[in-house]
Amino acid sequence: MKRSELKRLIKPMVAECIKESLLEEGILSTVISEVVKGMSTQLVVESAPVVEAPKTPAKSEISGKKLQETKKKMLNAIGKGAYNGVDIFEGTTPAPAQRSPQSSQGPLKDLDPSDSGVDISGLMNANWSKLV
């Protein structure tokens, strides 16, 4: 018997035996589950570098004197008589600082970062037995 004839006879039998071993005895599912376990422990997570926004002084940190000085300089630059001596900056507040692209995402993106929100400090003082 020639080698090619032997190969032609044995190859289908070996393929069938391997197929039976992998599928019927559960070896294939065991191999797949082990591969999945190995992959889940070695996850590579890529994240963008965090770019911190330059710190801007809060409202409370800006002294009223400095703010008034800035407003006077602006009025002098546009001309005192341009608005008949009326302070066009009266009652205005500084514009909010520009935010970084990372902070301009999410459900609170349209809210002022200096907004203190709702005070929930008294929440635990409520009589919960009446509410339940």
N, C-alpha and C. Protein backbone atom coordinates (compact mmCIF):
# COMPACT_ATOMS: atom_id res chain seq x y z
N MET A 1 0.85 -1.17 0.00
CA MET A 1 0.00 0.00 0.00
C MET A 1 0.90 1.23 0.00
N LYS A 2 0.52 2.16 -0.87
CA LYS A 2 1.31 3.38 -0.97
C LYS A 2 0.92 4.35 0.14
N ARG A 3 1.82 5.27 0.36
CA ARG A 3 1.62 6.28 1.40
C ARG A 3 0.38 7.13 1.11
N SER A 4 0.17 7.52 -0.12
CA SER A 4 -0.96 8.37 -0.49
C SER A 4 -2.29 7.65 -0.27
N GLU A 5 -2.31 6.30 -0.54
CA GLU A 5 -3.52 5.54 -0.31
C GLU A 5 -3.83 5.42 1.18
N LEU A 6 -2.78 5.20 1.98
CA LEU A 6 -2.94 5.09 3.43
C LEU A 6 -3.45 6.42 4.00
N LYS A 7 -2.89 7.49 3.50
CA LYS A 7 -3.31 8.82 3.95
C LYS A 7 -4.78 9.08 3.59
N ARG A 8 -5.18 8.66 2.42
CA ARG A 8 -6.55 8.84 1.96
C ARG A 8 -7.52 8.05 2.83
N LEU A 9 -7.13 6.90 3.33
CA LEU A 9 -7.99 6.08 4.19
C LEU A 9 -8.01 6.57 5.64
N ILE A 10 -6.87 6.96 6.15
CA ILE A 10 -6.75 7.30 7.57
C ILE A 10 -7.25 8.72 7.86
N LYS A 11 -7.04 9.65 6.94
CA LYS A 11 -7.39 11.05 7.18
C LYS A 11 -8.86 11.25 7.56
N PRO A 12 -9.83 10.65 6.85
CA PRO A 12 -11.24 10.82 7.25
C PRO A 12 -11.54 10.21 8.62
N MET A 13 -10.89 9.11 8.96
CA MET A 13 -11.12 8.48 10.27
C MET A 13 -10.58 9.36 11.40
N VAL A 14 -9.40 9.91 11.21
CA VAL A 14 -8.80 10.78 12.22
C VAL A 14 -9.65 12.03 12.39
N ALA A 15 -10.10 12.62 11.30
CA ALA A 15 -10.93 13.81 11.35
C ALA A 15 -12.23 13.52 12.10
N GLU A 16 -12.82 12.37 11.85
CA GLU A 16 -14.07 12.00 12.53
C GLU A 16 -13.84 11.79 14.02
N CYS A 17 -12.73 11.15 14.39
CA CYS A 17 -12.41 10.92 15.81
C CYS A 17 -12.18 12.25 16.53
N ILE A 18 -11.48 13.16 15.90
CA ILE A 18 -11.22 14.47 16.53
C ILE A 18 -12.52 15.24 16.68
N LYS A 19 -13.35 15.19 15.67
CA LYS A 19 -14.64 15.89 15.71
C LYS A 19 -15.51 15.34 16.84
N GLU A 20 -15.56 14.01 16.97
CA GLU A 20 -16.33 13.39 18.05
C GLU A 20 -15.78 13.79 19.42
N SER A 21 -14.48 13.81 19.56
CA SER A 21 -13.86 14.15 20.84
C SER A 21 -14.15 15.59 21.23
N LEU A 22 -14.04 16.47 20.25
CA LEU A 22 -14.25 17.88 20.55
C LEU A 22 -15.70 18.20 20.87
N LEU A 23 -16.63 17.65 20.10
CA LEU A 23 -18.03 18.01 20.26
C LEU A 23 -18.76 17.17 21.30
N GLU A 24 -18.64 15.86 21.22
CA GLU A 24 -19.43 14.99 22.08
C GLU A 24 -18.91 14.93 23.50
N GLU A 25 -17.63 15.02 23.71
CA GLU A 25 -17.06 14.91 25.05
C GLU A 25 -16.91 16.28 25.72
N GLY A 26 -17.27 17.35 25.03
CA GLY A 26 -17.25 18.68 25.64
C GLY A 26 -15.89 19.33 25.73
N ILE A 27 -14.94 18.80 25.02
CA ILE A 27 -13.60 19.39 25.08
C ILE A 27 -13.59 20.79 24.45
N LEU A 28 -14.31 20.96 23.35
CA LEU A 28 -14.33 22.25 22.66
C LEU A 28 -14.93 23.34 23.55
N SER A 29 -16.03 23.04 24.22
CA SER A 29 -16.64 24.05 25.09
C SER A 29 -15.73 24.39 26.26
N THR A 30 -14.99 23.41 26.77
CA THR A 30 -14.04 23.66 27.86
C THR A 30 -12.91 24.57 27.37
N VAL A 31 -12.40 24.30 26.19
CA VAL A 31 -11.33 25.12 25.63
C VAL A 31 -11.82 26.55 25.42
N ILE A 32 -13.02 26.70 24.88
CA ILE A 32 -13.56 28.05 24.63
C ILE A 32 -13.76 28.80 25.93
N SER A 33 -14.31 28.12 26.94
CA SER A 33 -14.53 28.82 28.22
C SER A 33 -13.22 29.22 28.87
N GLU A 34 -12.18 28.41 28.76
CA GLU A 34 -10.87 28.76 29.30
C GLU A 34 -10.27 29.96 28.57
N VAL A 35 -10.45 30.00 27.27
CA VAL A 35 -9.95 31.13 26.49
C VAL A 35 -10.66 32.41 26.89
N VAL A 36 -11.98 32.33 27.06
CA VAL A 36 -12.76 33.50 27.45
C VAL A 36 -12.34 33.98 28.83
N LYS A 37 -12.13 33.06 29.77
CA LYS A 37 -11.67 33.43 31.11
C LYS A 37 -10.32 34.13 31.04
N GLY A 38 -9.44 33.59 30.24
CA GLY A 38 -8.10 34.19 30.10
C GLY A 38 -8.15 35.57 29.48
N MET A 39 -9.07 35.77 28.55
CA MET A 39 -9.17 37.07 27.89
C MET A 39 -9.80 38.11 28.81
N SER A 40 -10.74 37.71 29.65
CA SER A 40 -11.42 38.68 30.50
C SER A 40 -10.52 39.21 31.60
N THR A 41 -9.51 38.49 32.02
CA THR A 41 -8.62 38.98 33.07
C THR A 41 -7.53 39.88 32.52
N GLN A 42 -7.32 39.88 31.23
CA GLN A 42 -6.25 40.67 30.65
C GLN A 42 -6.79 41.75 29.73
N LEU A 43 -7.86 42.42 30.15
CA LEU A 43 -8.43 43.47 29.34
C LEU A 43 -7.51 44.68 29.31
N VAL A 44 -7.33 45.23 28.16
CA VAL A 44 -6.54 46.44 28.01
C VAL A 44 -7.52 47.58 27.75
N VAL A 45 -7.51 48.55 28.64
CA VAL A 45 -8.42 49.67 28.52
C VAL A 45 -7.61 50.92 28.19
N GLU A 46 -7.98 51.54 27.10
CA GLU A 46 -7.28 52.76 26.69
C GLU A 46 -8.13 53.95 27.10
N SER A 47 -7.49 54.91 27.72
CA SER A 47 -8.22 56.11 28.11
C SER A 47 -7.43 57.33 27.66
N ALA A 48 -8.17 58.35 27.34
CA ALA A 48 -7.54 59.59 26.90
C ALA A 48 -6.89 60.26 28.10
N PRO A 49 -5.78 60.96 27.91
CA PRO A 49 -5.16 61.65 29.02
C PRO A 49 -6.08 62.73 29.56
N VAL A 50 -6.10 62.85 30.85
CA VAL A 50 -6.97 63.84 31.50
C VAL A 50 -6.33 65.21 31.39
N VAL A 51 -7.08 66.11 30.78
CA VAL A 51 -6.61 67.48 30.63
C VAL A 51 -7.38 68.33 31.62
N GLU A 52 -6.66 68.87 32.58
CA GLU A 52 -7.32 69.68 33.59
C GLU A 52 -7.53 71.08 33.06
N ALA A 53 -8.72 71.59 33.30
CA ALA A 53 -9.02 72.96 32.90
C ALA A 53 -8.27 73.91 33.83
N PRO A 54 -7.80 75.02 33.29
CA PRO A 54 -7.12 75.97 34.17
C PRO A 54 -8.08 76.46 35.23
N LYS A 55 -7.56 76.56 36.43
CA LYS A 55 -8.41 76.97 37.54
C LYS A 55 -8.73 78.45 37.43
N THR A 56 -9.99 78.75 37.55
CA THR A 56 -10.43 80.14 37.53
C THR A 56 -10.92 80.48 38.91
N PRO A 57 -10.67 81.68 39.35
CA PRO A 57 -11.12 82.04 40.69
C PRO A 57 -12.64 82.04 40.77
N ALA A 58 -13.14 81.57 41.88
CA ALA A 58 -14.59 81.53 42.09
C ALA A 58 -15.08 82.95 42.38
N LYS A 59 -16.39 83.11 42.34
CA LYS A 59 -17.00 84.41 42.58
C LYS A 59 -16.58 84.98 43.93
N SER A 60 -16.56 84.12 44.93
CA SER A 60 -16.22 84.59 46.27
C SER A 60 -14.77 85.02 46.37
N GLU A 61 -13.90 84.47 45.50
CA GLU A 61 -12.48 84.80 45.54
C GLU A 61 -12.17 86.13 44.85
N ILE A 62 -13.02 86.54 43.94
CA ILE A 62 -12.78 87.80 43.24
C ILE A 62 -13.24 88.92 44.16
N SER A 63 -12.33 89.80 44.45
CA SER A 63 -12.70 90.88 45.36
C SER A 63 -13.56 91.89 44.61
N GLY A 64 -14.48 92.48 45.34
CA GLY A 64 -15.38 93.47 44.74
C GLY A 64 -14.60 94.66 44.20
N LYS A 65 -13.51 94.99 44.88
CA LYS A 65 -12.69 96.13 44.46
C LYS A 65 -12.07 95.88 43.09
N LYS A 66 -11.53 94.68 42.89
CA LYS A 66 -10.89 94.35 41.62
C LYS A 66 -11.93 94.33 40.49
N LEU A 67 -13.11 93.82 40.79
CA LEU A 67 -14.18 93.77 39.80
C LEU A 67 -14.61 95.18 39.40
N GLN A 68 -14.74 96.05 40.39
CA GLN A 68 -15.12 97.44 40.11
C GLN A 68 -14.05 98.13 39.27
N GLU A 69 -12.78 97.84 39.57
CA GLU A 69 -11.67 98.41 38.80
C GLU A 69 -11.76 98.00 37.33
N THR A 70 -12.02 96.74 37.12
CA THR A 70 -12.12 96.22 35.75
C THR A 70 -13.29 96.87 35.01
N LYS A 71 -14.41 97.02 35.69
CA LYS A 71 -15.58 97.66 35.07
C LYS A 71 -15.28 99.12 34.71
N LYS A 72 -14.56 99.83 35.60
CA LYS A 72 -14.20 101.23 35.32
C LYS A 72 -13.29 101.32 34.10
N LYS A 73 -12.32 100.38 34.01
CA LYS A 73 -11.40 100.38 32.86
C LYS A 73 -12.18 100.17 31.56
N MET A 74 -13.16 99.27 31.60
CA MET A 74 -13.95 99.00 30.40
C MET A 74 -14.78 100.23 30.02
N LEU A 75 -15.37 100.90 31.00
CA LEU A 75 -16.15 102.11 30.72
C LEU A 75 -15.26 103.21 30.14
N ASN A 76 -14.05 103.34 30.69
CA ASN A 76 -13.12 104.35 30.17
C ASN A 76 -12.70 104.02 28.74
N ALA A 77 -12.55 102.73 28.44
CA ALA A 77 -12.11 102.33 27.11
C ALA A 77 -13.18 102.65 26.06
N ILE A 78 -14.46 102.49 26.40
CA ILE A 78 -15.51 102.77 25.41
C ILE A 78 -15.94 104.23 25.44
N GLY A 79 -15.47 104.96 26.43
CA GLY A 79 -15.80 106.38 26.50
C GLY A 79 -16.89 106.63 27.52
N LYS A 80 -16.61 107.52 28.46
CA LYS A 80 -17.57 107.78 29.54
C LYS A 80 -18.86 108.41 29.02
N GLY A 81 -18.75 109.23 28.02
CA GLY A 81 -19.92 109.93 27.53
C GLY A 81 -20.73 109.13 26.53
N ALA A 82 -20.28 107.95 26.18
CA ALA A 82 -20.96 107.17 25.16
C ALA A 82 -22.37 106.77 25.59
N TYR A 83 -22.57 106.55 26.86
CA TYR A 83 -23.89 106.13 27.35
C TYR A 83 -24.43 107.13 28.38
N ASN A 84 -24.06 108.40 28.21
CA ASN A 84 -24.52 109.49 29.09
C ASN A 84 -24.20 109.21 30.56
N GLY A 85 -23.04 108.62 30.81
CA GLY A 85 -22.60 108.36 32.18
C GLY A 85 -23.27 107.18 32.84
N VAL A 86 -24.08 106.42 32.10
CA VAL A 86 -24.76 105.26 32.68
C VAL A 86 -23.79 104.09 32.74
N ASP A 87 -23.73 103.43 33.89
CA ASP A 87 -22.86 102.27 34.07
C ASP A 87 -23.53 101.06 33.40
N ILE A 88 -23.04 100.70 32.22
CA ILE A 88 -23.67 99.60 31.47
C ILE A 88 -23.35 98.23 32.08
N PHE A 89 -22.37 98.19 32.99
CA PHE A 89 -22.00 96.92 33.62
C PHE A 89 -22.66 96.74 34.99
N GLU A 90 -23.55 97.62 35.35
CA GLU A 90 -24.19 97.54 36.66
C GLU A 90 -25.05 96.28 36.76
N GLY A 91 -24.82 95.52 37.82
CA GLY A 91 -25.59 94.30 38.07
C GLY A 91 -25.15 93.10 37.25
N THR A 92 -24.04 93.20 36.53
CA THR A 92 -23.59 92.06 35.73
C THR A 92 -22.61 91.21 36.52
N THR A 93 -22.46 89.98 36.12
CA THR A 93 -21.50 89.07 36.73
C THR A 93 -20.56 88.56 35.65
N PRO A 94 -19.35 88.15 36.02
CA PRO A 94 -18.42 87.63 35.02
C PRO A 94 -18.98 86.39 34.32
N ALA A 95 -18.62 86.22 33.07
CA ALA A 95 -19.06 85.05 32.29
C ALA A 95 -18.41 83.80 32.86
N PRO A 96 -19.09 82.64 32.77
CA PRO A 96 -18.48 81.41 33.27
C PRO A 96 -17.27 81.04 32.43
N ALA A 97 -16.31 80.38 33.07
CA ALA A 97 -15.08 79.97 32.38
C ALA A 97 -15.40 78.88 31.37
N GLN A 98 -14.59 78.80 30.32
CA GLN A 98 -14.75 77.74 29.33
C GLN A 98 -14.39 76.41 29.96
N ARG A 99 -15.16 75.39 29.62
CA ARG A 99 -14.92 74.06 30.17
C ARG A 99 -14.14 73.22 29.19
N SER A 100 -13.46 72.19 29.73
CA SER A 100 -12.71 71.27 28.88
C SER A 100 -13.70 70.37 28.14
N PRO A 101 -13.28 69.73 27.03
CA PRO A 101 -14.19 68.86 26.28
C PRO A 101 -14.73 67.70 27.12
N GLN A 102 -13.93 67.19 28.08
CA GLN A 102 -14.41 66.07 28.89
C GLN A 102 -15.54 66.50 29.81
N SER A 103 -15.49 67.74 30.32
CA SER A 103 -16.53 68.17 31.25
C SER A 103 -17.78 68.65 30.53
N SER A 104 -17.73 68.75 29.20
CA SER A 104 -18.90 69.21 28.47
C SER A 104 -19.75 68.05 27.97
N GLN A 105 -19.64 66.92 28.66
CA GLN A 105 -20.43 65.76 28.31
C GLN A 105 -21.22 65.32 29.52
N GLY A 106 -22.28 64.61 29.33
CA GLY A 106 -23.03 64.05 30.43
C GLY A 106 -24.33 64.78 30.69
N PRO A 107 -25.08 64.28 31.66
CA PRO A 107 -26.41 64.83 31.92
C PRO A 107 -26.40 66.23 32.54
N LEU A 108 -25.30 66.64 33.14
CA LEU A 108 -25.23 67.95 33.79
C LEU A 108 -24.43 68.97 32.99
N LYS A 109 -24.23 68.71 31.71
CA LYS A 109 -23.36 69.55 30.90
C LYS A 109 -23.87 70.98 30.74
N ASP A 110 -25.18 71.20 30.82
CA ASP A 110 -25.74 72.53 30.61
C ASP A 110 -25.90 73.32 31.90
N LEU A 111 -25.50 72.75 33.03
CA LEU A 111 -25.65 73.43 34.31
C LEU A 111 -24.37 74.14 34.70
N ASP A 112 -24.51 75.21 35.45
CA ASP A 112 -23.38 75.99 35.93
C ASP A 112 -22.61 75.16 36.97
N PRO A 113 -21.28 75.00 36.82
CA PRO A 113 -20.52 74.19 37.78
C PRO A 113 -20.53 74.78 39.18
N SER A 114 -20.75 76.09 39.31
CA SER A 114 -20.77 76.69 40.65
C SER A 114 -22.13 76.58 41.31
N ASP A 115 -23.13 76.01 40.62
CA ASP A 115 -24.46 75.85 41.19
C ASP A 115 -24.40 74.81 42.31
N SER A 116 -24.86 75.19 43.49
CA SER A 116 -24.77 74.28 44.64
C SER A 116 -25.83 73.19 44.60
N GLY A 117 -26.85 73.33 43.81
CA GLY A 117 -27.87 72.30 43.68
C GLY A 117 -28.90 72.37 44.78
N VAL A 118 -29.54 71.26 45.08
CA VAL A 118 -30.61 71.20 46.07
C VAL A 118 -30.03 70.76 47.40
N ASP A 119 -30.42 71.42 48.48
CA ASP A 119 -29.95 71.09 49.82
C ASP A 119 -30.74 69.89 50.33
N ILE A 120 -30.05 68.77 50.56
CA ILE A 120 -30.71 67.56 51.06
C ILE A 120 -30.25 67.24 52.47
N SER A 121 -29.68 68.20 53.18
CA SER A 121 -29.15 67.95 54.52
C SER A 121 -30.25 67.55 55.50
N GLY A 122 -31.47 68.03 55.33
CA GLY A 122 -32.54 67.69 56.25
C GLY A 122 -33.31 66.45 55.86
N LEU A 123 -32.86 65.75 54.86
CA LEU A 123 -33.57 64.57 54.36
C LEU A 123 -33.66 63.47 55.41
N MET A 124 -32.62 63.27 56.16
CA MET A 124 -32.61 62.19 57.15
C MET A 124 -33.38 62.58 58.41
N ASN A 125 -33.71 63.85 58.59
CA ASN A 125 -34.46 64.28 59.76
C ASN A 125 -35.96 64.09 59.60
N ALA A 126 -36.40 63.67 58.43
CA ALA A 126 -37.82 63.48 58.16
C ALA A 126 -38.35 62.28 58.96
N ASN A 127 -39.63 62.29 59.27
CA ASN A 127 -40.25 61.18 59.97
C ASN A 127 -40.63 60.12 58.93
N TRP A 128 -39.73 59.19 58.70
CA TRP A 128 -39.91 58.20 57.65
C TRP A 128 -40.98 57.17 57.98
N SER A 129 -41.28 56.99 59.26
CA SER A 129 -42.28 55.99 59.63
C SER A 129 -43.67 56.41 59.12
N LYS A 130 -43.93 57.72 59.06
CA LYS A 130 -45.21 58.18 58.55
C LYS A 130 -45.28 58.07 57.03
N LEU A 131 -44.13 58.16 56.38
CA LEU A 131 -44.10 58.11 54.93
C LEU A 131 -44.17 56.71 54.36
N VAL A 132 -43.72 55.75 55.15
CA VAL A 132 -43.65 54.37 54.67
C VAL A 132 -44.94 53.68 54.77
